[in-house]
């Protein structure tokens, strides 16, 4: 279950940034591609467990899934790849190559300043 390791790494990064800005984290956005996909429920659970008794406890974690893109070998059209309908939407050819998949990224951390936490 790689979500547990990902959750811990994200938590460590958020805590490091929170210490740098002396603020409490309240929300974070992560994104992942299809080959680096996360199970949302498992990730939420793993993050909540890792964040327990830390300044990140109770913060909101949002996960964005970036679609996989492919490039048609025939007409060179770049399109969102659909495993159930993988033909090129432009020329209907069924031979394509995957574009680089989106990496797993911590995109944004929102902090709350002040003592009213």
Protein backbone atom coordinates (compact mmCIF):
# COMPACT_ATOMS: atom_id res chain seq x y z
CA UNK A 1 0.00 0.00 0.00
CA UNK A 2 2.11 2.92 -1.23
CA UNK A 3 -0.44 5.46 -0.01
CA UNK A 4 0.94 5.10 3.53
CA UNK A 5 4.46 6.04 2.43
CA UNK A 6 3.13 8.86 0.24
CA UNK A 7 1.01 10.19 3.12
CA UNK A 8 3.99 10.21 5.46
CA UNK A 9 6.22 11.97 2.92
CA UNK A 10 3.55 14.60 2.24
CA UNK A 11 2.99 15.09 5.95
CA UNK A 12 6.72 15.55 6.55
CA UNK A 13 6.92 18.16 3.79
CA UNK A 14 3.87 20.04 5.07
CA UNK A 15 5.21 20.07 8.63
CA UNK A 16 8.58 21.33 7.39
CA UNK A 17 6.90 24.17 5.48
CA UNK A 18 4.62 24.97 8.44
CA UNK A 19 7.67 25.37 10.66
CA UNK A 20 9.31 27.68 8.12
CA UNK A 21 6.30 30.02 7.95
CA UNK A 22 5.21 29.58 11.59
CA UNK A 23 1.62 28.83 10.61
CA UNK A 24 -0.86 25.98 10.93
CA UNK A 25 -1.63 24.04 7.72
CA UNK A 26 -5.35 23.80 6.97
CA UNK A 27 -5.48 22.43 3.41
CA UNK A 28 -3.21 20.79 0.86
CA UNK A 29 -3.67 19.82 -2.77
CA UNK A 30 -1.81 16.92 -4.33
CA UNK A 31 -2.00 15.71 -7.91
CA UNK A 32 -1.09 12.45 -9.57
CA UNK A 33 -1.11 10.91 -13.00
CA UNK A 34 -2.63 7.59 -13.97
CA UNK A 35 0.54 5.53 -13.56
CA UNK A 36 1.20 7.20 -10.20
CA UNK A 37 -2.44 6.94 -9.20
CA UNK A 38 -3.62 7.02 -5.61
CA UNK A 39 -6.72 5.45 -4.14
CA UNK A 40 -8.49 8.50 -2.69
CA UNK A 41 -10.09 6.72 0.27
CA UNK A 42 -6.92 4.89 1.25
CA UNK A 43 -4.86 8.06 0.86
CA UNK A 44 -7.28 10.09 3.00
CA UNK A 45 -7.22 7.42 5.70
CA UNK A 46 -3.42 7.11 5.62
CA UNK A 47 -2.97 10.88 5.79
CA UNK A 48 -5.43 11.27 8.67
CA UNK A 49 -3.66 8.49 10.59
CA UNK A 50 -0.21 9.98 9.97
CA UNK A 51 -1.40 13.50 10.86
CA UNK A 52 -2.90 12.47 14.19
CA UNK A 53 -1.41 14.47 17.10
CA UNK A 54 0.47 16.80 14.73
CA UNK A 55 -0.33 20.37 13.62
CA UNK A 56 -1.79 18.76 10.46
CA UNK A 57 -4.52 16.92 12.35
CA UNK A 58 -7.90 17.89 10.88
CA UNK A 59 -6.52 19.56 7.77
CA UNK A 60 -8.19 18.95 4.41
CA UNK A 61 -6.33 16.96 1.75
CA UNK A 62 -7.53 17.28 -1.85
CA UNK A 63 -6.41 14.87 -4.56
CA UNK A 64 -6.48 15.77 -8.26
CA UNK A 65 -6.13 13.03 -10.85
CA UNK A 66 -4.46 14.18 -14.07
CA UNK A 67 -5.67 12.26 -17.14
CA UNK A 68 -3.21 10.24 -19.19
CA UNK A 69 -2.57 11.69 -22.65
CA UNK A 70 -1.59 9.87 -25.80
CA UNK A 71 -0.28 10.94 -29.21
CA UNK A 72 -1.68 9.34 -32.35
CA UNK A 73 1.01 7.72 -34.48
CA UNK A 74 -0.93 8.50 -37.66
CA UNK A 75 -2.11 12.12 -37.37
CA UNK A 76 -0.03 13.23 -34.32
CA UNK A 77 -3.15 14.40 -32.42
CA UNK A 78 -2.61 14.52 -28.64
CA UNK A 79 -5.70 13.39 -26.73
CA UNK A 80 -6.86 12.16 -23.34
CA UNK A 81 -6.41 8.40 -23.40
CA UNK A 82 -9.48 6.34 -22.56
CA UNK A 83 -8.88 2.64 -21.96
CA UNK A 84 -12.45 1.88 -23.11
CA UNK A 85 -12.23 3.94 -26.29
CA UNK A 86 -8.59 4.23 -27.20
CA UNK A 87 -8.95 5.26 -30.85
CA UNK A 88 -7.76 8.71 -31.83
CA UNK A 89 -10.74 11.07 -31.71
CA UNK A 90 -9.51 12.87 -34.83
CA UNK A 91 -8.62 10.09 -37.30
CA UNK A 92 -9.89 6.97 -35.44
CA UNK A 93 -6.49 5.22 -35.68
CA UNK A 94 -5.86 2.81 -32.82
CA UNK A 95 -2.10 3.16 -32.61
CA UNK A 96 -0.77 5.77 -30.24
CA UNK A 97 2.03 6.40 -27.78
CA UNK A 98 1.61 7.60 -24.22
CA UNK A 99 2.77 11.08 -23.37
CA UNK A 100 4.74 11.42 -20.12
CA UNK A 101 2.48 10.78 -17.14
CA UNK A 102 1.92 13.50 -14.57
CA UNK A 103 4.12 13.00 -11.51
CA UNK A 104 2.88 12.81 -7.95
CA UNK A 105 3.12 16.39 -6.67
CA UNK A 106 2.28 18.39 -3.59
CA UNK A 107 0.86 21.38 -5.45
CA UNK A 108 -0.34 23.71 -2.74
CA UNK A 109 -0.43 24.15 1.02
CA UNK A 110 -2.84 26.60 2.64
CA UNK A 111 -1.89 27.96 6.06
CA UNK A 112 -3.78 29.77 8.79
CA UNK A 113 -1.84 32.39 10.70
CA UNK A 114 -2.47 33.47 14.24
CA UNK A 115 -3.40 31.85 17.51
CA UNK A 116 -7.06 31.14 16.67
CA UNK A 117 -6.55 27.51 15.67
